[in-house]
């Protein structure tokens, strides 16, 4: 059977000999396919245009597609199989993801890793959903370019557990190659040779980058193969704190300089919901399984923060208004818009504090919809983050400052976060947004011997609170599933 695969930029022809699912064909090609659910048929994101000899469309597949999409030969790659010659067109976007690389950069003048050498170096943050890169001219330590791309591992699962499962099933080399190839593509696009990199990320991401077996991270007693803090070839991997509190939190703490405060909390609002509490001269850290909803994955019309994404929602004279990135035609909703939308629907009385919503909500003059299932995903995600906060710092008592890290945290409206109960009301005037603090911290290590040693000290002395066995966490989690009723 002859299969033609194509995107806007390229076309290839391959042969298959048996009936084969489309996502399996794409996985073995040079193309990338978004599959937040890992191919389990539950997210509806792996849409392709397919014509030719194909399997019949099932009722389960149809529920993810509109009549217009079905008429335009759109199929889900994890449902549809080729049964003979077929043409498959990937629906892709090459746009830069908005904002996730934003951060501040200290002004150092000599790198502990490159010394006085005249070269280019790179700081990289491998996130679960995205990869952010910063290119530096050395020895001046001048940032000449910032870039961000979707982590190609998302096609094998939206979260670390699904990727560990894929690795356990023989996919470790595939995951390693995907992320390494993406970083090499970033360097190629930059156009100059990069001699050394500092690469941060959570513990699982660094395992997958290094090709280390991550299976011990997913089962008790949660023992990783390495906590890093090591040089490998021409890159340095900063130290992780524990199996679920990675080097990205080490470098975010470094960037925040949160030890200057008497008592402070750093929160990375993302898939893994990591946080660090500084009090009485020490750090206590934890990780909560928030899931990918804040990044738009697992949401019916969710999408990255690119052109056409609804990124801001507000109430105006009782009506719900919205804005899209680049003022383009609305095609979906990203994380910041999702938080705003939930807050506005609560204030408008469309969502009850239990999360009940009688009908799905569609934004005016668009096909973008918030479903009842989407609201449940928001509840699960926000309950996990808030329960972690309440377990570490009940009611935010005594905090001098709250640092919000991560690309999502850079654009989310703090008032919306408080309205839906993601953050407690006491945080209202204490929040400082850091942008991509993990990437900033990696850049600081690249630039300063003092920062390199400080990162080691942070990771070596921090304690980890295991929330899975904490009855207080589970109690808070159940309580925080409700939306606040006194947000007005």
Protein backbone atom coordinates (compact mmCIF):
# COMPACT_ATOMS: atom_id res chain seq x y z
CA UNK A 1 0.00 0.00 0.00
CA UNK A 2 1.34 3.43 -0.98
CA UNK A 3 0.82 6.14 1.64
CA UNK A 4 1.52 9.81 0.91
CA UNK A 5 2.22 11.95 3.98
CA UNK A 6 2.41 15.71 3.57
CA UNK A 7 2.45 19.01 5.44
CA UNK A 8 2.73 22.60 4.28
CA UNK A 9 6.49 22.19 3.90
CA UNK A 10 7.14 18.65 2.64
CA UNK A 11 5.73 15.46 1.14
CA UNK A 12 6.96 11.89 1.45
CA UNK A 13 5.73 8.52 0.22
CA UNK A 14 6.04 5.36 2.27
CA UNK A 15 4.83 1.78 1.96
CA UNK A 16 2.91 -0.28 4.50
CA UNK A 17 1.93 -3.90 4.06
CA UNK A 18 -1.01 -4.33 6.43
CA UNK A 19 -3.94 -2.31 7.70
CA UNK A 20 -2.24 0.25 9.98
CA UNK A 21 -3.48 3.05 12.17
CA UNK A 22 -2.56 6.49 10.86
CA UNK A 23 -0.86 7.65 14.07
CA UNK A 24 1.42 4.59 13.95
CA UNK A 25 2.41 5.44 10.39
CA UNK A 26 3.18 9.05 11.29
CA UNK A 27 5.17 8.00 14.38
CA UNK A 28 7.58 6.08 12.12
CA UNK A 29 8.02 9.04 9.76
CA UNK A 30 9.82 12.37 10.06
CA UNK A 31 6.53 14.16 10.80
CA UNK A 32 5.20 15.05 14.24
CA UNK A 33 1.68 14.54 15.49
CA UNK A 34 0.08 16.04 18.60
CA UNK A 35 -1.41 13.26 20.76
CA UNK A 36 -1.96 14.62 24.31
CA UNK A 37 -3.68 11.41 25.40
CA UNK A 38 -0.89 9.23 24.00
CA UNK A 39 -3.11 7.67 21.36
CA UNK A 40 -5.74 6.40 23.79
CA UNK A 41 -8.58 8.00 21.84
CA UNK A 42 -9.70 10.38 24.56
CA UNK A 43 -8.54 13.89 23.57
CA UNK A 44 -9.58 14.32 19.92
CA UNK A 45 -6.47 16.38 19.09
CA UNK A 46 -4.77 14.18 16.45
CA UNK A 47 -6.77 15.51 13.50
CA UNK A 48 -5.48 14.92 9.98
CA UNK A 49 -6.98 15.23 6.52
CA UNK A 50 -7.18 11.75 5.01
CA UNK A 51 -8.51 10.51 1.68
CA UNK A 52 -8.24 7.14 0.02
CA UNK A 53 -8.69 3.65 1.38
CA UNK A 54 -9.56 4.09 5.04
CA UNK A 55 -11.38 2.26 7.80
CA UNK A 56 -15.00 3.20 8.52
CA UNK A 57 -15.53 6.05 10.96
CA UNK A 58 -16.80 4.79 14.30
CA UNK A 59 -19.26 6.56 16.55
CA UNK A 60 -16.45 7.18 19.08
CA UNK A 61 -14.42 8.97 16.41
CA UNK A 62 -17.40 11.01 15.19
CA UNK A 63 -18.03 12.49 18.64
CA UNK A 64 -14.79 14.49 18.31
CA UNK A 65 -15.57 15.88 14.86
CA UNK A 66 -18.04 18.46 13.55
CA UNK A 67 -20.19 17.83 10.49
CA UNK A 68 -18.03 20.32 8.61
CA UNK A 69 -14.85 18.46 9.55
CA UNK A 70 -16.31 15.12 8.53
CA UNK A 71 -17.33 16.65 5.20
CA UNK A 72 -13.78 17.96 4.75
CA UNK A 73 -12.29 14.43 5.23
CA UNK A 74 -10.88 15.15 8.67
CA UNK A 75 -10.09 12.00 10.65
CA UNK A 76 -8.51 11.21 14.02
CA UNK A 77 -5.17 9.51 13.50
CA UNK A 78 -5.57 7.30 16.58
CA UNK A 79 -8.88 5.89 15.28
CA UNK A 80 -8.55 5.78 11.49
CA UNK A 81 -6.53 3.07 9.72
CA UNK A 82 -5.34 2.86 6.12
CA UNK A 83 -6.60 -0.22 4.27
CA UNK A 84 -4.99 0.62 0.93
CA UNK A 85 -3.43 3.56 -0.91
CA UNK A 86 -4.16 6.84 0.89
CA UNK A 87 -3.13 10.51 1.12
CA UNK A 88 -2.72 12.00 4.61
CA UNK A 89 -2.20 15.72 5.23
CA UNK A 90 -1.05 16.88 8.65
CA UNK A 91 -2.74 19.92 10.16
CA UNK A 92 0.20 21.79 11.65
CA UNK A 93 1.20 25.20 12.92
CA UNK A 94 4.76 26.55 12.80
CA UNK A 95 3.98 29.63 14.88
CA UNK A 96 6.09 30.64 17.82
CA UNK A 97 4.31 29.92 21.09
CA UNK A 98 3.60 33.22 22.80
CA UNK A 99 5.38 34.38 25.88
CA UNK A 100 6.75 31.23 27.36
CA UNK A 101 10.37 32.33 27.00
CA UNK A 102 9.80 35.67 28.68
CA UNK A 103 12.06 36.17 31.69
CA UNK A 104 14.68 38.44 33.15
CA UNK A 105 18.40 37.92 32.69
CA UNK A 106 21.14 38.86 35.16
CA UNK A 107 24.10 40.74 33.78
CA UNK A 108 27.15 38.55 34.38
CA UNK A 109 30.37 38.88 32.49
CA UNK A 110 32.25 35.55 32.68
CA UNK A 111 30.94 32.03 32.34
CA UNK A 112 32.18 29.21 34.62
CA UNK A 113 31.59 26.81 31.73
CA UNK A 114 33.06 28.61 28.72
CA UNK A 115 35.48 31.01 30.45
CA UNK A 116 36.89 33.64 28.09
CA UNK A 117 36.13 31.59 24.98
CA UNK A 118 34.55 33.43 22.05
CA UNK A 119 31.59 31.19 21.18
CA UNK A 120 27.83 30.67 21.44
CA UNK A 121 26.15 28.79 24.28
CA UNK A 122 22.57 27.86 25.04
CA UNK A 123 20.26 27.63 28.07
CA UNK A 124 17.39 25.17 27.53
CA UNK A 125 14.27 24.40 29.55
CA UNK A 126 12.71 21.08 28.56
CA UNK A 127 9.15 21.42 29.78
CA UNK A 128 6.56 18.67 29.64
CA UNK A 129 4.65 20.63 27.00
CA UNK A 130 7.20 23.01 25.49
CA UNK A 131 10.94 23.47 25.00
CA UNK A 132 12.31 26.98 25.51
CA UNK A 133 15.78 27.96 24.34
CA UNK A 134 18.03 30.97 24.92
CA UNK A 135 21.12 31.58 22.79
CA UNK A 136 24.04 33.47 24.33
CA UNK A 137 27.08 35.15 22.82
CA UNK A 138 30.07 34.34 25.00
CA UNK A 139 32.12 35.53 26.80
CA UNK A 140 29.91 38.65 26.92
CA UNK A 141 26.96 36.54 28.19
CA UNK A 142 24.64 38.48 25.89
CA UNK A 143 21.28 36.84 24.99
CA UNK A 144 20.96 37.11 21.21
CA UNK A 145 17.86 34.98 20.60
CA UNK A 146 14.97 33.29 22.42
CA UNK A 147 12.80 30.56 20.95
CA UNK A 148 10.09 28.13 22.01
CA UNK A 149 8.62 25.01 20.45
CA UNK A 150 6.18 22.32 21.41
CA UNK A 151 7.92 19.36 23.04
CA UNK A 152 7.59 16.66 20.35
CA UNK A 153 7.18 14.02 23.06
CA UNK A 154 3.60 15.26 23.50
CA UNK A 155 2.64 12.98 20.61
CA UNK A 156 3.38 10.06 22.96
CA UNK A 157 1.45 11.47 25.94
CA UNK A 158 0.65 14.78 27.61
CA UNK A 159 2.14 14.03 31.04
CA UNK A 160 5.18 12.34 32.55
CA UNK A 161 3.34 9.18 33.59
CA UNK A 162 2.07 8.45 30.07
CA UNK A 163 5.57 9.01 28.69
CA UNK A 164 7.12 6.74 31.31
CA UNK A 165 4.57 4.11 30.28
CA UNK A 166 5.53 4.60 26.62
CA UNK A 167 9.20 4.27 27.56
CA UNK A 168 8.45 1.06 29.47
CA UNK A 169 6.81 -0.34 26.34
CA UNK A 170 10.01 0.06 24.34
CA UNK A 171 9.72 3.73 23.41
CA UNK A 172 12.63 5.19 25.42
CA UNK A 173 14.90 5.66 22.40
CA UNK A 174 12.02 7.20 20.46
CA UNK A 175 11.38 9.74 23.24
CA UNK A 176 15.08 10.53 23.55
CA UNK A 177 15.50 11.03 19.83
CA UNK A 178 12.40 13.25 19.62
CA UNK A 179 13.64 15.77 22.18
CA UNK A 180 17.28 15.68 21.09
CA UNK A 181 16.32 16.20 17.44
CA UNK A 182 14.11 19.16 18.40
CA UNK A 183 16.96 20.82 20.28
CA UNK A 184 19.31 20.21 17.35
CA UNK A 185 16.69 21.75 15.05
CA UNK A 186 16.63 24.84 17.29
CA UNK A 187 20.40 25.11 16.96
CA UNK A 188 20.26 24.66 13.18
CA UNK A 189 17.65 27.40 12.90
CA UNK A 190 19.88 29.67 15.01
CA UNK A 191 22.58 29.28 12.37
CA UNK A 192 25.70 29.41 14.57
CA UNK A 193 27.55 26.52 16.23
CA UNK A 194 26.60 26.10 19.90
CA UNK A 195 29.51 24.77 21.92
CA UNK A 196 27.88 24.23 25.31
CA UNK A 197 24.37 24.07 26.79
CA UNK A 198 22.81 24.12 30.25
CA UNK A 199 19.66 21.97 30.06
CA UNK A 200 17.07 22.08 32.83
CA UNK A 201 13.78 20.24 33.17
CA UNK A 202 11.84 18.01 35.51
CA UNK A 203 13.41 14.73 36.57
CA UNK A 204 11.53 12.65 34.01
CA UNK A 205 12.36 15.02 31.14
CA UNK A 206 16.09 14.83 31.98
CA UNK A 207 15.89 11.04 32.13
CA UNK A 208 14.27 10.91 28.71
CA UNK A 209 16.77 13.40 27.27
CA UNK A 210 19.66 11.32 28.62
CA UNK A 211 18.18 7.97 27.63
CA UNK A 212 17.95 6.77 31.25
CA UNK A 213 15.24 4.30 32.25
CA UNK A 214 12.55 6.41 34.01
CA UNK A 215 10.45 3.48 35.28
CA UNK A 216 11.58 3.88 38.91
CA UNK A 217 10.06 7.37 39.01
CA UNK A 218 6.53 6.04 38.52
CA UNK A 219 6.42 3.38 41.26
CA UNK A 220 7.08 3.44 45.00
CA UNK A 221 9.59 4.23 46.44
CA UNK A 222 9.96 6.60 43.44
CA UNK A 223 13.68 6.16 42.85
CA UNK A 224 15.18 7.87 39.77
CA UNK A 225 18.29 6.57 38.07
CA UNK A 226 19.94 9.96 38.60
CA UNK A 227 19.36 13.34 40.19
CA UNK A 228 21.91 14.81 37.74
CA UNK A 229 24.04 17.86 38.55
CA UNK A 230 26.49 16.46 36.00
CA UNK A 231 28.28 17.21 32.75
CA UNK A 232 27.58 14.99 29.75
CA UNK A 233 29.49 15.62 26.53
CA UNK A 234 28.99 19.31 25.76
CA UNK A 235 26.13 20.09 28.15
CA UNK A 236 25.43 20.44 31.86
CA UNK A 237 22.31 19.09 33.57
CA UNK A 238 21.56 20.95 36.83
CA UNK A 239 20.69 18.95 39.96
CA UNK A 240 17.15 17.72 40.65
CA UNK A 241 15.70 17.73 44.16
CA UNK A 242 13.72 14.46 43.99
CA UNK A 243 11.82 12.19 41.60
CA UNK A 244 9.01 14.71 41.11
CA UNK A 245 10.77 17.98 41.96
CA UNK A 246 13.23 18.46 39.17
CA UNK A 247 16.09 20.66 38.06
CA UNK A 248 13.53 23.11 36.67
CA UNK A 249 12.50 23.94 40.25
CA UNK A 250 16.16 24.16 41.31
CA UNK A 251 16.84 26.70 38.57
CA UNK A 252 13.54 28.53 39.19
CA UNK A 253 14.43 28.93 42.88
CA UNK A 254 17.84 30.21 41.79
CA UNK A 255 16.24 32.78 39.48
CA UNK A 256 13.72 33.94 42.09
CA UNK A 257 16.29 34.61 44.82
CA UNK A 258 13.36 33.85 47.12
CA UNK A 259 15.66 33.27 50.11
CA UNK A 260 15.82 37.04 50.52
CA UNK A 261 12.25 36.95 51.87
CA UNK A 262 11.42 35.89 55.39
CA UNK A 263 8.85 33.39 54.11
CA UNK A 264 7.97 32.80 50.45
CA UNK A 265 6.38 30.35 48.06
CA UNK A 266 7.27 29.59 44.45
CA UNK A 267 4.65 27.88 42.27
CA UNK A 268 5.16 26.55 38.75
CA UNK A 269 1.56 26.38 37.52
CA UNK A 270 1.77 23.68 34.89
CA UNK A 271 1.36 20.00 34.17
CA UNK A 272 3.32 18.89 37.23
CA UNK A 273 2.33 21.70 39.61
CA UNK A 274 5.68 21.92 41.41
CA UNK A 275 6.19 24.34 44.27
CA UNK A 276 8.82 25.32 46.84
CA UNK A 277 8.24 26.86 50.28
CA UNK A 278 11.03 28.87 51.91
CA UNK A 279 10.73 29.28 55.69
CA UNK A 280 13.05 29.20 58.71
CA UNK A 281 16.13 28.98 56.52
CA UNK A 282 15.09 25.91 54.52
CA UNK A 283 13.11 24.72 51.49
CA UNK A 284 10.23 22.26 51.45
CA UNK A 285 9.11 21.23 47.97
CA UNK A 286 6.31 19.18 46.48
CA UNK A 287 4.74 18.23 43.17
CA UNK A 288 1.04 17.88 42.41
CA UNK A 289 -0.34 16.04 39.39
CA UNK A 290 -2.31 18.94 37.92
CA UNK A 291 -2.38 17.47 34.41
CA UNK A 292 -2.10 19.35 31.11
CA UNK A 293 -5.33 21.39 31.24
CA UNK A 294 -3.45 24.63 31.99
CA UNK A 295 -1.54 24.13 28.74
CA UNK A 296 -4.76 23.61 26.76
CA UNK A 297 -4.33 19.83 26.39
CA UNK A 298 -7.24 17.62 27.37
CA UNK A 299 -9.61 20.55 26.70
CA UNK A 300 -12.11 20.21 23.86
CA UNK A 301 -11.03 23.41 22.07
CA UNK A 302 -7.70 23.77 23.87
CA UNK A 303 -4.63 24.88 21.95
CA UNK A 304 -1.19 26.46 22.55
CA UNK A 305 -0.86 30.22 22.89
CA UNK A 306 -0.57 30.92 19.16
CA UNK A 307 -2.48 33.10 16.70
CA UNK A 308 -6.24 32.55 16.97
CA UNK A 309 -6.19 31.30 20.55
CA UNK A 310 -8.56 33.04 22.95
CA UNK A 311 -6.15 34.32 25.59
CA UNK A 312 -8.26 36.82 27.54
CA UNK A 313 -11.94 36.75 28.60
CA UNK A 314 -13.88 39.33 30.62
CA UNK A 315 -17.39 40.44 31.56
CA UNK A 316 -18.66 43.70 30.07
CA UNK A 317 -22.15 44.92 30.96
CA UNK A 318 -23.12 41.37 31.82
CA UNK A 319 -21.88 39.94 28.50
CA UNK A 320 -18.83 37.74 28.02
CA UNK A 321 -16.19 39.33 25.79
CA UNK A 322 -12.90 37.88 24.59
CA UNK A 323 -9.64 38.60 22.79
CA UNK A 324 -7.57 36.35 20.55
CA UNK A 325 -3.82 36.37 20.00
CA UNK A 326 -2.98 38.63 17.04
CA UNK A 327 -6.72 39.49 16.90
CA UNK A 328 -7.11 36.52 14.56
CA UNK A 329 -10.26 34.49 13.97
CA UNK A 330 -10.90 32.41 17.12
CA UNK A 331 -9.82 28.80 16.60
CA UNK A 332 -9.43 27.59 20.19
CA UNK A 333 -8.54 28.64 23.72
CA UNK A 334 -5.19 28.59 25.54
CA UNK A 335 -4.52 28.29 29.27
CA UNK A 336 -4.82 31.94 30.26
CA UNK A 337 -8.11 32.28 28.37
CA UNK A 338 -9.40 29.11 29.98
CA UNK A 339 -8.82 30.47 33.50
CA UNK A 340 -10.50 33.77 32.59
CA UNK A 341 -13.43 31.94 30.99
CA UNK A 342 -14.02 29.79 34.07
CA UNK A 343 -13.92 32.88 36.29
CA UNK A 344 -16.37 34.79 34.08
CA UNK A 345 -18.76 31.84 33.81
CA UNK A 346 -18.75 31.62 37.60
CA UNK A 347 -19.44 35.32 38.02
CA UNK A 348 -22.19 35.18 35.40
CA UNK A 349 -23.86 32.31 37.23
CA UNK A 350 -23.43 29.93 34.29
CA UNK A 351 -21.28 27.62 36.42
CA UNK A 352 -22.35 26.69 39.94
CA UNK A 353 -19.83 26.31 42.76
CA UNK A 354 -20.15 22.53 42.36
CA UNK A 355 -18.93 22.87 38.77
CA UNK A 356 -22.36 22.08 37.33
CA UNK A 357 -23.06 23.78 34.01
CA UNK A 358 -26.40 23.01 32.35
CA UNK A 359 -25.16 23.35 28.77
CA UNK A 360 -21.87 23.75 26.99
CA UNK A 361 -20.88 27.41 26.50
CA UNK A 362 -19.91 28.68 23.05
CA UNK A 363 -18.12 32.00 22.67
CA UNK A 364 -20.03 34.54 20.57
CA UNK A 365 -19.20 34.61 16.84
CA UNK A 366 -17.04 31.51 17.08
CA UNK A 367 -17.05 27.72 17.18
CA UNK A 368 -14.95 27.69 20.36
CA UNK A 369 -16.78 25.91 23.15
CA UNK A 370 -16.25 25.26 26.86
CA UNK A 371 -17.84 21.91 27.68
CA UNK A 372 -18.98 20.46 30.97
CA UNK A 373 -16.09 18.00 30.67
CA UNK A 374 -13.67 20.95 30.29
CA UNK A 375 -14.95 22.45 33.54
CA UNK A 376 -14.29 19.14 35.29
CA UNK A 377 -10.70 19.17 33.99
CA UNK A 378 -10.25 22.70 35.33
CA UNK A 379 -11.59 21.58 38.71
CA UNK A 380 -9.21 18.63 38.88
CA UNK A 381 -6.20 20.75 37.92
CA UNK A 382 -6.92 23.69 40.20
CA UNK A 383 -7.78 21.40 43.12
CA UNK A 384 -4.39 19.68 42.83
CA UNK A 385 -2.46 22.97 42.83
CA UNK A 386 -4.51 24.53 45.63
CA UNK A 387 -4.32 21.38 47.79
CA UNK A 388 -0.55 21.45 47.45
CA UNK A 389 -0.49 25.09 48.55
CA UNK A 390 -2.77 24.43 51.53
CA UNK A 391 -0.68 21.44 52.61
CA UNK A 392 2.59 23.37 52.48
CA UNK A 393 1.28 26.74 53.70
CA UNK A 394 -2.23 26.61 55.19
CA UNK A 395 -4.17 29.74 54.07
CA UNK A 396 -0.93 31.30 52.89
CA UNK A 397 -0.22 32.24 56.50
CA UNK A 398 2.81 34.46 57.05
CA UNK A 399 4.00 34.59 53.44
CA UNK A 400 5.92 37.68 52.44
CA UNK A 401 5.94 36.93 48.71
CA UNK A 402 4.47 34.44 46.23
CA UNK A 403 6.40 33.79 43.01
CA UNK A 404 4.55 32.45 39.96
CA UNK A 405 6.83 30.71 37.47
CA UNK A 406 6.34 29.12 34.08
CA UNK A 407 5.06 30.23 30.69
CA UNK A 408 1.43 29.80 31.68
CA UNK A 409 1.99 31.79 34.85
CA UNK A 410 3.40 34.66 32.79
CA UNK A 411 0.07 35.39 31.15
CA UNK A 412 -2.60 34.18 33.52
CA UNK A 413 -4.69 36.79 35.34
CA UNK A 414 -4.14 36.48 39.10
CA UNK A 415 -7.66 37.70 39.87
CA UNK A 416 -9.08 34.89 37.71
CA UNK A 417 -6.90 32.37 39.56
CA UNK A 418 -8.29 33.61 42.87
CA UNK A 419 -11.86 33.67 41.55
CA UNK A 420 -11.80 29.97 40.61
CA UNK A 421 -9.93 29.01 43.78
CA UNK A 422 -6.63 28.09 42.19
CA UNK A 423 -4.93 30.58 44.53
CA UNK A 424 -6.18 31.72 47.96
CA UNK A 425 -7.45 35.33 48.34
CA UNK A 426 -4.57 36.14 50.70
CA UNK A 427 -2.20 36.00 47.69
CA UNK A 428 -3.87 39.04 46.06
CA UNK A 429 -1.12 41.59 46.75
CA UNK A 430 1.82 39.23 47.25
CA UNK A 431 2.30 37.79 43.76
CA UNK A 432 5.39 38.42 41.64
CA UNK A 433 5.39 36.88 38.15
CA UNK A 434 8.80 35.59 37.05
CA UNK A 435 8.15 34.32 33.52
CA UNK A 436 10.15 31.24 32.61
CA UNK A 437 12.20 31.18 35.80
CA UNK A 438 13.54 27.69 35.06
CA UNK A 439 15.10 28.88 31.81
CA UNK A 440 16.38 32.03 33.49
CA UNK A 441 18.05 29.96 36.21
CA UNK A 442 19.69 27.75 33.59
CA UNK A 443 21.05 30.90 31.94
CA UNK A 444 22.37 32.10 35.30
CA UNK A 445 24.29 28.83 35.73
CA UNK A 446 25.71 29.34 32.26
CA UNK A 447 26.92 32.79 33.29
CA UNK A 448 28.11 32.54 36.89
CA UNK A 449 30.27 30.22 39.00
CA UNK A 450 28.44 31.50 42.07
CA UNK A 451 25.08 30.49 40.55
CA UNK A 452 26.40 27.06 39.59
CA UNK A 453 27.43 26.38 43.20
CA UNK A 454 24.24 27.91 44.57
CA UNK A 455 22.12 25.56 42.44
CA UNK A 456 23.95 22.58 43.95
CA UNK A 457 23.34 23.95 47.43
CA UNK A 458 19.61 24.49 46.79
CA UNK A 459 19.06 20.96 45.50
CA UNK A 460 21.24 19.37 48.17
CA UNK A 461 19.47 20.99 51.12
CA UNK A 462 15.83 21.04 49.97
CA UNK A 463 13.34 18.60 51.48
CA UNK A 464 10.47 16.98 49.60
CA UNK A 465 6.96 16.56 51.01
CA UNK A 466 5.39 13.37 49.62
CA UNK A 467 1.78 14.41 49.16
CA UNK A 468 0.49 11.05 47.91
CA UNK A 469 0.67 9.62 51.43
CA UNK A 470 -0.45 12.80 53.19
CA UNK A 471 -4.08 12.61 54.46
CA UNK A 472 -4.22 16.41 54.77
CA UNK A 473 -3.47 16.75 51.06
CA UNK A 474 -6.31 14.42 50.10
CA UNK A 475 -8.69 16.29 52.41
CA UNK A 476 -7.69 19.63 50.87
CA UNK A 477 -7.98 18.13 47.38
CA UNK A 478 -11.58 17.07 47.90
CA UNK A 479 -12.48 20.44 49.43
CA UNK A 480 -10.85 22.39 46.61
CA UNK A 481 -12.80 20.56 43.90
CA UNK A 482 -15.56 23.08 44.63
CA UNK A 483 -15.38 26.55 43.14
CA UNK A 484 -15.59 29.47 45.59
CA UNK A 485 -19.03 30.91 46.10
CA UNK A 486 -17.88 34.23 47.61
CA UNK A 487 -15.72 35.52 44.74
CA UNK A 488 -17.71 38.67 44.04
